PDB file of N, CA and C in Angstrom:
ATOM      1  N   MET A   1     112.319 118.729  89.048  1.00  0.00           N
ATOM      2  CA  MET A   1     110.992 118.966  89.602  1.00  0.00           C
ATOM      3  C   MET A   1     110.724 117.962  90.722  1.00  0.00           C
ATOM      4  N   THR A   2     110.287 118.458  91.873  1.00  0.00           N
ATOM      5  CA  THR A   2     110.018 117.610  93.012  1.00  0.00           C
ATOM      6  C   THR A   2     108.653 116.948  92.855  1.00  0.00           C
ATOM      7  N   LYS A   3     108.637 115.651  93.027  1.00  0.00           N
ATOM      8  CA  LYS A   3     107.371 114.934  92.971  1.00  0.00           C
ATOM      9  C   LYS A   3     106.610 115.149  94.271  1.00  0.00           C
ATOM     10  N   GLU A   4     105.348 115.525  94.162  1.00  0.00           N
ATOM     11  CA  GLU A   4     104.537 115.733  95.352  1.00  0.00           C
ATOM     12  C   GLU A   4     104.107 114.390  95.909  1.00  0.00           C
ATOM     13  N   ILE A   5     104.542 114.133  97.139  1.00  0.00           N
ATOM     14  CA  ILE A   5     104.241 112.858  97.779  1.00  0.00           C
ATOM     15  C   ILE A   5     103.116 113.013  98.785  1.00  0.00           C
ATOM     16  N   ASN A   6     103.110 114.160  99.488  1.00  0.00           N
ATOM     17  CA  ASN A   6     102.072 114.332 100.497  1.00  0.00           C
ATOM     18  C   ASN A   6     101.200 115.542 100.196  1.00  0.00           C
ATOM     19  N   ARG A   7     100.071 115.587 100.867  1.00  0.00           N
ATOM     20  CA  ARG A   7      99.099 116.680 100.717  1.00  0.00           C
ATOM     21  C   ARG A   7      99.060 117.555 101.955  1.00  0.00           C
ATOM     22  N   LEU A   8     100.128 117.560 102.724  1.00  0.00           N
ATOM     23  CA  LEU A   8     100.123 118.247 104.003  1.00  0.00           C
ATOM     24  C   LEU A   8      99.717 119.714 103.883  1.00  0.00           C
ATOM     25  N   LYS A   9     100.278 120.417 102.937  1.00  0.00           N
ATOM     26  CA  LYS A   9      99.958 121.845 102.764  1.00  0.00           C
ATOM     27  C   LYS A   9      98.462 122.040 102.525  1.00  0.00           C
ATOM     28  N   ALA A  10      97.892 121.235 101.648  1.00  0.00           N
ATOM     29  CA  ALA A  10      96.458 121.352 101.337  1.00  0.00           C
ATOM     30  C   ALA A  10      95.599 121.004 102.548  1.00  0.00           C
ATOM     31  N   VAL A  11      95.970 119.955 103.274  1.00  0.00           N
ATOM     32  CA  VAL A  11      95.172 119.539 104.431  1.00  0.00           C
ATOM     33  C   VAL A  11      95.257 120.589 105.536  1.00  0.00           C
ATOM     34  N   LEU A  12      96.429 121.161 105.758  1.00  0.00           N
ATOM     35  CA  LEU A  12      96.536 122.243 106.742  1.00  0.00           C
ATOM     36  C   LEU A  12      95.583 123.379 106.393  1.00  0.00           C
ATOM     37  N   ALA A  13      95.540 123.764 105.130  1.00  0.00           N
ATOM     38  CA  ALA A  13      94.640 124.838 104.695  1.00  0.00           C
ATOM     39  C   ALA A  13      93.176 124.434 104.885  1.00  0.00           C
ATOM     40  N   GLU A  14      92.859 123.190 104.567  1.00  0.00           N
ATOM     41  CA  GLU A  14      91.474 122.708 104.686  1.00  0.00           C
ATOM     42  C   GLU A  14      90.975 122.766 106.124  1.00  0.00           C
ATOM     43  N   VAL A  15      91.851 122.478 107.086  1.00  0.00           N
ATOM     44  CA  VAL A  15      91.434 122.469 108.493  1.00  0.00           C
ATOM     45  C   VAL A  15      91.743 123.782 109.206  1.00  0.00           C
ATOM     46  N   GLY A  16      92.273 124.754 108.466  1.00  0.00           N
ATOM     47  CA  GLY A  16      92.510 126.082 109.026  1.00  0.00           C
ATOM     48  C   GLY A  16      93.670 126.163 109.998  1.00  0.00           C
ATOM     49  N   LYS A  17      94.688 125.364 109.794  1.00  0.00           N
ATOM     50  CA  LYS A  17      95.873 125.381 110.658  1.00  0.00           C
ATOM     51  C   LYS A  17      97.082 125.852 109.858  1.00  0.00           C
ATOM     52  N   THR A  18      98.132 126.273 110.576  1.00  0.00           N
ATOM     53  CA  THR A  18      99.331 126.784 109.926  1.00  0.00           C
ATOM     54  C   THR A  18     100.522 125.869 110.162  1.00  0.00           C
ATOM     55  N   ASN A  19     101.567 126.100 109.389  1.00  0.00           N
ATOM     56  CA  ASN A  19     102.831 125.371 109.578  1.00  0.00           C
ATOM     57  C   ASN A  19     103.364 125.598 110.989  1.00  0.00           C
ATOM     58  N   VAL A  20     103.278 126.838 111.447  1.00  0.00           N
ATOM     59  CA  VAL A  20     103.805 127.184 112.773  1.00  0.00           C
ATOM     60  C   VAL A  20     103.037 126.431 113.857  1.00  0.00           C
ATOM     61  N   TRP A  21     101.724 126.375 113.739  1.00  0.00           N
ATOM     62  CA  TRP A  21     100.908 125.639 114.702  1.00  0.00           C
ATOM     63  C   TRP A  21     101.330 124.175 114.742  1.00  0.00           C
ATOM     64  N   LEU A  22     101.475 123.567 113.573  1.00  0.00           N
ATOM     65  CA  LEU A  22     101.855 122.159 113.511  1.00  0.00           C
ATOM     66  C   LEU A  22     103.246 121.948 114.103  1.00  0.00           C
ATOM     67  N   ALA A  23     104.171 122.835 113.796  1.00  0.00           N
ATOM     68  CA  ALA A  23     105.526 122.735 114.340  1.00  0.00           C
ATOM     69  C   ALA A  23     105.493 122.785 115.866  1.00  0.00           C
ATOM     70  N   GLU A  24     104.692 123.689 116.415  1.00  0.00           N
ATOM     71  CA  GLU A  24     104.575 123.796 117.874  1.00  0.00           C
ATOM     72  C   GLU A  24     103.991 122.524 118.475  1.00  0.00           C
ATOM     73  N   GLN A  25     102.978 121.964 117.836  1.00  0.00           N
ATOM     74  CA  GLN A  25     102.352 120.747 118.343  1.00  0.00           C
ATOM     75  C   GLN A  25     103.316 119.558 118.342  1.00  0.00           C
ATOM     76  N   LEU A  26     104.172 119.513 117.336  1.00  0.00           N
ATOM     77  CA  LEU A  26     105.100 118.388 117.175  1.00  0.00           C
ATOM     78  C   LEU A  26     106.447 118.626 117.861  1.00  0.00           C
ATOM     79  N   GLY A  27     106.707 119.869 118.263  1.00  0.00           N
ATOM     80  CA  GLY A  27     107.985 120.189 118.872  1.00  0.00           C
ATOM     81  C   GLY A  27     109.134 120.165 117.881  1.00  0.00           C
ATOM     82  N   VAL A  28     108.843 120.598 116.641  1.00  0.00           N
ATOM     83  CA  VAL A  28     109.876 120.657 115.601  1.00  0.00           C
ATOM     84  C   VAL A  28     109.997 122.089 115.102  1.00  0.00           C
ATOM     85  N   ASN A  29     111.036 122.348 114.361  1.00  0.00           N
ATOM     86  CA  ASN A  29     111.278 123.658 113.787  1.00  0.00           C
ATOM     87  C   ASN A  29     110.261 123.919 112.670  1.00  0.00           C
ATOM     88  N   PRO A  30     109.707 125.130 112.583  1.00  0.00           N
ATOM     89  CA  PRO A  30     108.776 125.442 111.491  1.00  0.00           C
ATOM     90  C   PRO A  30     109.381 125.216 110.102  1.00  0.00           C
ATOM     91  N   THR A  31     110.691 125.350 109.987  1.00  0.00           N
ATOM     92  CA  THR A  31     111.356 125.091 108.711  1.00  0.00           C
ATOM     93  C   THR A  31     111.177 123.634 108.291  1.00  0.00           C
ATOM     94  N   THR A  32     111.186 122.743 109.255  1.00  0.00           N
ATOM     95  CA  THR A  32     110.985 121.320 108.969  1.00  0.00           C
ATOM     96  C   THR A  32     109.597 121.093 108.383  1.00  0.00           C
ATOM     97  N   VAL A  33     108.592 121.690 108.997  1.00  0.00           N
ATOM     98  CA  VAL A  33     107.221 121.549 108.499  1.00  0.00           C
ATOM     99  C   VAL A  33     107.115 122.141 107.103  1.00  0.00           C
ATOM    100  N   SER A  34     107.762 123.269 106.886  1.00  0.00           N
ATOM    101  CA  SER A  34     107.761 123.890 105.564  1.00  0.00           C
ATOM    102  C   SER A  34     108.348 122.949 104.516  1.00  0.00           C
ATOM    103  N   LYS A  35     109.413 122.255 104.854  1.00  0.00           N
ATOM    104  CA  LYS A  35     110.023 121.291 103.922  1.00  0.00           C
ATOM    105  C   LYS A  35     109.069 120.139 103.626  1.00  0.00           C
ATOM    106  N   TRP A  36     108.323 119.704 104.643  1.00  0.00           N
ATOM    107  CA  TRP A  36     107.327 118.654 104.406  1.00  0.00           C
ATOM    108  C   TRP A  36     106.239 119.160 103.465  1.00  0.00           C
ATOM    109  N   CYS A  37     105.797 120.408 103.680  1.00  0.00           N
ATOM    110  CA  CYS A  37     104.715 120.980 102.863  1.00  0.00           C
ATOM    111  C   CYS A  37     105.128 121.181 101.409  1.00  0.00           C
ATOM    112  N   THR A  38     106.400 121.414 101.167  1.00  0.00           N
ATOM    113  CA  THR A  38     106.876 121.612  99.805  1.00  0.00           C
ATOM    114  C   THR A  38     107.452 120.328  99.206  1.00  0.00           C
ATOM    115  N   ASN A  39     107.333 119.237  99.960  1.00  0.00           N
ATOM    116  CA  ASN A  39     107.824 117.931  99.522  1.00  0.00           C
ATOM    117  C   ASN A  39     109.334 117.916  99.280  1.00  0.00           C
ATOM    118  N   THR A  40     110.054 118.801  99.976  1.00  0.00           N
ATOM    119  CA  THR A  40     111.515 118.791  99.924  1.00  0.00           C
ATOM    120  C   THR A  40     112.034 117.573 100.669  1.00  0.00           C
ATOM    121  N   CYS A  41     111.367 117.245 101.775  1.00  0.00           N
ATOM    122  CA  CYS A  41     111.637 116.016 102.516  1.00  0.00           C
ATOM    123  C   CYS A  41     110.316 115.543 103.106  1.00  0.00           C
ATOM    124  N   GLN A  42     110.316 114.366 103.695  1.00  0.00           N
ATOM    125  CA  GLN A  42     109.077 113.779 104.192  1.00  0.00           C
ATOM    126  C   GLN A  42     109.196 113.429 105.672  1.00  0.00           C
ATOM    127  N   PRO A  43     108.089 113.522 106.411  1.00  0.00           N
ATOM    128  CA  PRO A  43     108.116 113.081 107.805  1.00  0.00           C
ATOM    129  C   PRO A  43     108.191 111.552 107.859  1.00  0.00           C
ATOM    130  N   ASP A  44     108.747 111.036 108.952  1.00  0.00           N
ATOM    131  CA  ASP A  44     108.766 109.580 109.105  1.00  0.00           C
ATOM    132  C   ASP A  44     107.346 109.093 109.409  1.00  0.00           C
ATOM    133  N   LEU A  45     107.155 107.800 109.389  1.00  0.00           N
ATOM    134  CA  LEU A  45     105.815 107.222 109.534  1.00  0.00           C
ATOM    135  C   LEU A  45     105.191 107.556 110.885  1.00  0.00           C
ATOM    136  N   HIS A  46     105.986 107.526 111.944  1.00  0.00           N
ATOM    137  CA  HIS A  46     105.466 107.872 113.271  1.00  0.00           C
ATOM    138  C   HIS A  46     104.974 109.318 113.288  1.00  0.00           C
ATOM    139  N   THR A  47     105.764 110.220 112.721  1.00  0.00           N
ATOM    140  CA  THR A  47     105.384 111.635 112.677  1.00  0.00           C
ATOM    141  C   THR A  47     104.163 111.833 111.796  1.00  0.00           C
ATOM    142  N   LEU A  48     104.107 111.139 110.692  1.00  0.00           N
ATOM    143  CA  LEU A  48     102.942 111.231 109.809  1.00  0.00           C
ATOM    144  C   LEU A  48     101.670 110.807 110.555  1.00  0.00           C
ATOM    145  N   SER A  49     101.773 109.763 111.350  1.00  0.00           N
ATOM    146  CA  SER A  49     100.629 109.315 112.150  1.00  0.00           C
ATOM    147  C   SER A  49     100.220 110.381 113.155  1.00  0.00           C
ATOM    148  N   ARG A  50     101.200 111.019 113.785  1.00  0.00           N
ATOM    149  CA  ARG A  50     100.919 112.080 114.762  1.00  0.00           C
ATOM    150  C   ARG A  50     100.273 113.284 114.069  1.00  0.00           C
ATOM    151  N   ILE A  51     100.748 113.636 112.880  1.00  0.00           N
ATOM    152  CA  ILE A  51     100.161 114.737 112.115  1.00  0.00           C
ATOM    153  C   ILE A  51      98.702 114.433 111.795  1.00  0.00           C
ATOM    154  N   ALA A  52      98.439 113.222 111.335  1.00  0.00           N
ATOM    155  CA  ALA A  52      97.060 112.825 111.013  1.00  0.00           C
ATOM    156  C   ALA A  52      96.169 112.950 112.240  1.00  0.00           C
ATOM    157  N   GLU A  53      96.683 112.523 113.385  1.00  0.00           N
ATOM    158  CA  GLU A  53      95.928 112.611 114.635  1.00  0.00           C
ATOM    159  C   GLU A  53      95.637 114.074 114.994  1.00  0.00           C
ATOM    160  N   LEU A  54      96.651 114.925 114.898  1.00  0.00           N
ATOM    161  CA  LEU A  54      96.476 116.339 115.234  1.00  0.00           C
ATOM    162  C   LEU A  54      95.484 117.040 114.308  1.00  0.00           C
ATOM    163  N   LEU A  55      95.488 116.653 113.036  1.00  0.00           N
ATOM    164  CA  LEU A  55      94.605 117.287 112.053  1.00  0.00           C
ATOM    165  C   LEU A  55      93.262 116.571 111.921  1.00  0.00           C
ATOM    166  N   ASN A  56      93.116 115.475 112.675  1.00  0.00           N
ATOM    167  CA  ASN A  56      91.872 114.707 112.673  1.00  0.00           C
ATOM    168  C   ASN A  56      91.520 114.201 111.276  1.00  0.00           C
ATOM    169  N   VAL A  57      92.540 113.661 110.609  1.00  0.00           N
ATOM    170  CA  VAL A  57      92.358 113.057 109.288  1.00  0.00           C
ATOM    171  C   VAL A  57      93.083 111.709 109.294  1.00  0.00           C
ATOM    172  N   SER A  58      92.823 110.894 108.288  1.00  0.00           N
ATOM    173  CA  SER A  58      93.535 109.629 108.180  1.00  0.00           C
ATOM    174  C   SER A  58      94.896 109.862 107.535  1.00  0.00           C
ATOM    175  N   ARG A  59      95.827 108.958 107.782  1.00  0.00           N
ATOM    176  CA  ARG A  59      97.138 109.044 107.128  1.00  0.00           C
ATOM    177  C   ARG A  59      96.957 109.029 105.614  1.00  0.00           C
ATOM    178  N   ARG A  60      95.999 108.253 105.156  1.00  0.00           N
ATOM    179  CA  ARG A  60      95.743 108.147 103.716  1.00  0.00           C
ATOM    180  C   ARG A  60      95.401 109.503 103.099  1.00  0.00           C
ATOM    181  N   GLU A  61      94.665 110.334 103.860  1.00  0.00           N
ATOM    182  CA  GLU A  61      94.309 111.668 103.356  1.00  0.00           C
ATOM    183  C   GLU A  61      95.522 112.571 103.188  1.00  0.00           C
ATOM    184  N   LEU A  62      96.599 112.269 103.932  1.00  0.00           N
ATOM    185  CA  LEU A  62      97.810 113.071 103.845  1.00  0.00           C
ATOM    186  C   LEU A  62      98.711 112.669 102.695  1.00  0.00           C
ATOM    187  N   LEU A  63      98.477 111.488 102.137  1.00  0.00           N
ATOM    188  CA  LEU A  63      99.344 110.964 101.088  1.00  0.00           C
ATOM    189  C   LEU A  63      98.702 111.074  99.716  1.00  0.00           C
ATOM    190  N   ARG A  64      99.519 111.279  98.730  1.00  0.00           N
ATOM    191  CA  ARG A  64      99.025 111.305  97.347  1.00  0.00           C
ATOM    192  C   ARG A  64      98.678 109.885  96.913  1.00  0.00           C
ATOM    193  N   PRO A  65      97.640 109.731  96.098  1.00  0.00           N
ATOM    194  CA  PRO A  65      97.292 108.381  95.610  1.00  0.00           C
ATOM    195  C   PRO A  65      98.336 107.859  94.634  1.00  0.00           C
TER     196      PRO A  65
END
């Protein structure tokens, strides 16, 4: 069982954005964003900061407590 580390999927839904939109904004493959959303792998800290900026949330909101 994969431990959920980030809340990216939930935050995307909360702000009304999609994986594809985020992938386009970051210049990455949508499959990569999907892996982040399912906690298969995690974005690096720089990318996490960019995601928070794009979604207008804090990095803390993207991470599980």
